[in-house]
C-alpha atoms as a PDB file:
ATOM      1  CA  MET A   1      17.118 -19.760  -9.906  1.00  0.00           C
ATOM      2  CA  SER A   2      19.660 -17.767  -7.923  1.00  0.00           C
ATOM      3  CA  VAL A   3      18.724 -15.633  -4.937  1.00  0.00           C
ATOM      4  CA  ALA A   4      19.143 -11.891  -5.594  1.00  0.00           C
ATOM      5  CA  ILE A   5      18.535 -10.896  -1.978  1.00  0.00           C
ATOM      6  CA  ASP A   6      17.150 -12.429   1.184  1.00  0.00           C
ATOM      7  CA  GLY A   7      16.660 -11.389   4.761  1.00  0.00           C
ATOM      8  CA  TYR A   8      14.212 -10.384   7.439  1.00  0.00           C
ATOM      9  CA  LEU A   9      11.705  -7.617   6.749  1.00  0.00           C
ATOM     10  CA  LYS A  10       8.637  -6.588   8.683  1.00  0.00           C
ATOM     11  CA  LYS A  11       5.362  -7.048   6.801  1.00  0.00           C
ATOM     12  CA  LYS A  12       2.244  -5.073   7.650  1.00  0.00           C
ATOM     13  CA  SER A  13      -0.654  -7.439   8.313  1.00  0.00           C
ATOM     14  CA  ARG A  14      -3.777  -7.427   6.124  1.00  0.00           C
ATOM     15  CA  SER A  15      -6.386  -6.953   8.871  1.00  0.00           C
ATOM     16  CA  ASN A  16      -9.563  -5.134   7.802  1.00  0.00           C
ATOM     17  CA  SER A  17      -9.275  -2.752  10.743  1.00  0.00           C
ATOM     18  CA  VAL A  18      -6.477  -0.175  10.561  1.00  0.00           C
ATOM     19  CA  LEU A  19      -6.212  -0.257  14.351  1.00  0.00           C
ATOM     20  CA  LYS A  20      -5.524  -4.009  14.341  1.00  0.00           C
ATOM     21  CA  ARG A  21      -2.817  -3.976  11.660  1.00  0.00           C
ATOM     22  CA  ALA A  22       0.518  -5.078  13.073  1.00  0.00           C
ATOM     23  CA  TRP A  23       4.084  -5.473  11.824  1.00  0.00           C
ATOM     24  CA  ASN A  24       5.130  -9.119  11.556  1.00  0.00           C
ATOM     25  CA  LYS A  25       8.770 -10.135  11.094  1.00  0.00           C
ATOM     26  CA  ARG A  26       9.117 -12.466   8.086  1.00  0.00           C
ATOM     27  CA  TRP A  27      11.978 -14.014   6.094  1.00  0.00           C
ATOM     28  CA  PHE A  28      11.850 -12.795   2.465  1.00  0.00           C
ATOM     29  CA  VAL A  29      13.643 -14.252  -0.554  1.00  0.00           C
ATOM     30  CA  LEU A  30      13.815 -12.649  -4.008  1.00  0.00           C
ATOM     31  CA  ALA A  31      14.835 -15.147  -6.700  1.00  0.00           C
ATOM     32  CA  GLY A  32      14.341 -14.083 -10.304  1.00  0.00           C
ATOM     33  CA  ASN A  33      11.008 -12.314 -10.396  1.00  0.00           C
ATOM     34  CA  ILE A  34       9.519 -14.300  -7.488  1.00  0.00           C
ATOM     35  CA  LEU A  35       9.334 -12.785  -4.010  1.00  0.00           C
ATOM     36  CA  SER A  36       8.425 -15.282  -1.308  1.00  0.00           C
ATOM     37  CA  TYR A  37       8.252 -15.132   2.460  1.00  0.00           C
ATOM     38  CA  SER A  38       8.028 -17.445   5.434  1.00  0.00           C
ATOM     39  CA  ASN A  39       7.996 -17.095   9.202  1.00  0.00           C
ATOM     40  CA  SER A  40      11.731 -17.700   9.552  1.00  0.00           C
ATOM     41  CA  SER A  41      14.869 -18.481   7.561  1.00  0.00           C
ATOM     42  CA  LYS A  42      14.625 -22.097   8.739  1.00  0.00           C
ATOM     43  CA  ASP A  43      11.096 -22.678   7.376  1.00  0.00           C
ATOM     44  CA  LYS A  44      11.067 -24.791   4.234  1.00  0.00           C
ATOM     45  CA  LYS A  45       7.423 -23.945   3.501  1.00  0.00           C
ATOM     46  CA  THR A  46       6.622 -20.452   2.222  1.00  0.00           C
ATOM     47  CA  SER A  47       3.733 -18.454   3.666  1.00  0.00           C
ATOM     48  CA  GLY A  48       3.248 -16.362   0.524  1.00  0.00           C
ATOM     49  CA  THR A  49       4.579 -15.814  -2.980  1.00  0.00           C
ATOM     50  CA  PHE A  50       4.383 -12.813  -5.298  1.00  0.00           C
ATOM     51  CA  ASN A  51       5.245 -12.719  -8.981  1.00  0.00           C
ATOM     52  CA  LEU A  52       6.875  -9.375  -9.734  1.00  0.00           C
ATOM     53  CA  ALA A  53       5.562  -9.575 -13.296  1.00  0.00           C
ATOM     54  CA  ASP A  54       2.278  -8.455 -11.671  1.00  0.00           C
ATOM     55  CA  ILE A  55       3.736  -5.475  -9.828  1.00  0.00           C
ATOM     56  CA  HIS A  56       2.846  -1.925 -10.836  1.00  0.00           C
ATOM     57  CA  ASP A  57       5.283  -0.015  -8.653  1.00  0.00           C
ATOM     58  CA  VAL A  58       7.682  -0.003  -5.720  1.00  0.00           C
ATOM     59  CA  GLU A  59       6.892   3.091  -3.622  1.00  0.00           C
ATOM     60  CA  LYS A  60       9.230   4.407  -0.942  1.00  0.00           C
ATOM     61  CA  LYS A  61       7.161   5.292   2.131  1.00  0.00           C
ATOM     62  CA  GLY A  62       9.907   6.683   4.356  1.00  0.00           C
ATOM     63  CA  SER A  63      13.489   5.855   5.190  1.00  0.00           C
ATOM     64  CA  LEU A  64      12.729   2.257   6.209  1.00  0.00           C
ATOM     65  CA  GLU A  65       9.343   1.480   4.635  1.00  0.00           C
ATOM     66  CA  PHE A  66       8.443   0.655   1.052  1.00  0.00           C
ATOM     67  CA  GLN A  67       5.301  -0.617  -0.610  1.00  0.00           C
ATOM     68  CA  LEU A  68       4.810  -3.046  -3.477  1.00  0.00           C
ATOM     69  CA  VAL A  69       1.754  -2.110  -5.519  1.00  0.00           C
ATOM     70  CA  PHE A  70      -0.053  -4.994  -7.215  1.00  0.00           C
ATOM     71  CA  PRO A  71      -3.333  -4.744  -9.160  1.00  0.00           C
ATOM     72  CA  GLU A  72      -5.375  -6.190  -6.282  1.00  0.00           C
ATOM     73  CA  ARG A  73      -3.383  -5.249  -3.183  1.00  0.00           C
ATOM     74  CA  LYS A  74      -0.518  -3.323  -1.653  1.00  0.00           C
ATOM     75  CA  LEU A  75       2.227  -4.967   0.373  1.00  0.00           C
ATOM     76  CA  LEU A  76       3.847  -2.674   2.958  1.00  0.00           C
ATOM     77  CA  LEU A  77       7.322  -3.734   4.126  1.00  0.00           C
ATOM     78  CA  LYS A  78       9.831  -2.289   6.580  1.00  0.00           C
ATOM     79  CA  ALA A  79      13.588  -2.897   6.714  1.00  0.00           C
ATOM     80  CA  ALA A  80      15.712  -2.826   9.867  1.00  0.00           C
ATOM     81  CA  ASP A  81      17.833   0.085   8.608  1.00  0.00           C
ATOM     82  CA  MET A  82      18.238   2.471   5.661  1.00  0.00           C
ATOM     83  CA  VAL A  83      20.973   0.410   3.989  1.00  0.00           C
ATOM     84  CA  GLU A  84      18.756  -2.690   3.953  1.00  0.00           C
ATOM     85  CA  ALA A  85      15.774  -0.670   2.709  1.00  0.00           C
ATOM     86  CA  ARG A  86      17.833   0.692  -0.198  1.00  0.00           C
ATOM     87  CA  ARG A  87      19.167  -2.779  -1.044  1.00  0.00           C
ATOM     88  CA  TRP A  88      15.678  -4.267  -1.114  1.00  0.00           C
ATOM     89  CA  VAL A  89      14.152  -1.438  -3.154  1.00  0.00           C
ATOM     90  CA  ALA A  90      16.987  -1.626  -5.715  1.00  0.00           C
ATOM     91  CA  ALA A  91      16.687  -5.420  -6.019  1.00  0.00           C
ATOM     92  CA  LEU A  92      12.877  -5.292  -6.325  1.00  0.00           C
ATOM     93  CA  GLU A  93      12.996  -2.529  -8.937  1.00  0.00           C
ATOM     94  CA  ALA A  94      15.601  -4.468 -10.941  1.00  0.00           C
ATOM     95  CA  ALA A  95      13.483  -7.637 -10.819  1.00  0.00           C
ATOM     96  CA  MET A  96      10.349  -5.675 -11.709  1.00  0.00           C
ATOM     97  CA  HIS A  97      11.973  -4.162 -14.807  1.00  0.00           C
ATOM     98  CA  THR A  98      13.243  -7.523 -16.057  1.00  0.00           C
ATOM     99  CA  SER A  99       9.914  -9.353 -15.540  1.00  0.00           C
ATOM    100  CA  GLU A 100       7.575 -10.268 -18.359  1.00  0.00           C
ATOM    101  CA  PRO A 101       3.956  -9.203 -17.660  1.00  0.00           C
ATOM    102  CA  ARG A 102       1.523 -12.044 -17.158  1.00  0.00           C
ATOM    103  CA  ASN A 103      -2.244 -12.352 -16.956  1.00  0.00           C
ATOM    104  CA  MET A 104      -2.623 -14.448 -13.812  1.00  0.00           C
ATOM    105  CA  HIS A 105      -2.164 -12.922 -10.332  1.00  0.00           C
ATOM    106  CA  ALA A 106       0.324 -14.519  -7.927  1.00  0.00           C
ATOM    107  CA  SER A 107      -0.900 -16.599  -5.040  1.00  0.00           C
ATOM    108  CA  LEU A 108      -1.198 -14.537  -1.885  1.00  0.00           C
END
């Protein structure tokens, strides 16, 4: 499966307390309808994987931030600049619209 886009994005942590949520820099790869991330571009092991067949929407949250809306969670991401944010949103929307819906939720 070929890589549509890859690069560093900041991911908002999933802490239960809003005050403790932090931005963590992660390496993201979008290949087909699978979005995966790891701590760095050199890591061979992924930290998380999302199947875009499960996604409901890609919401723009500002010039640099965008949110992936899944049935059971929201994933808030931030790009380094507006060009990167636009590239990621376009690639995610394209992958979302070409994905077949499935019943099982992606591993988080």
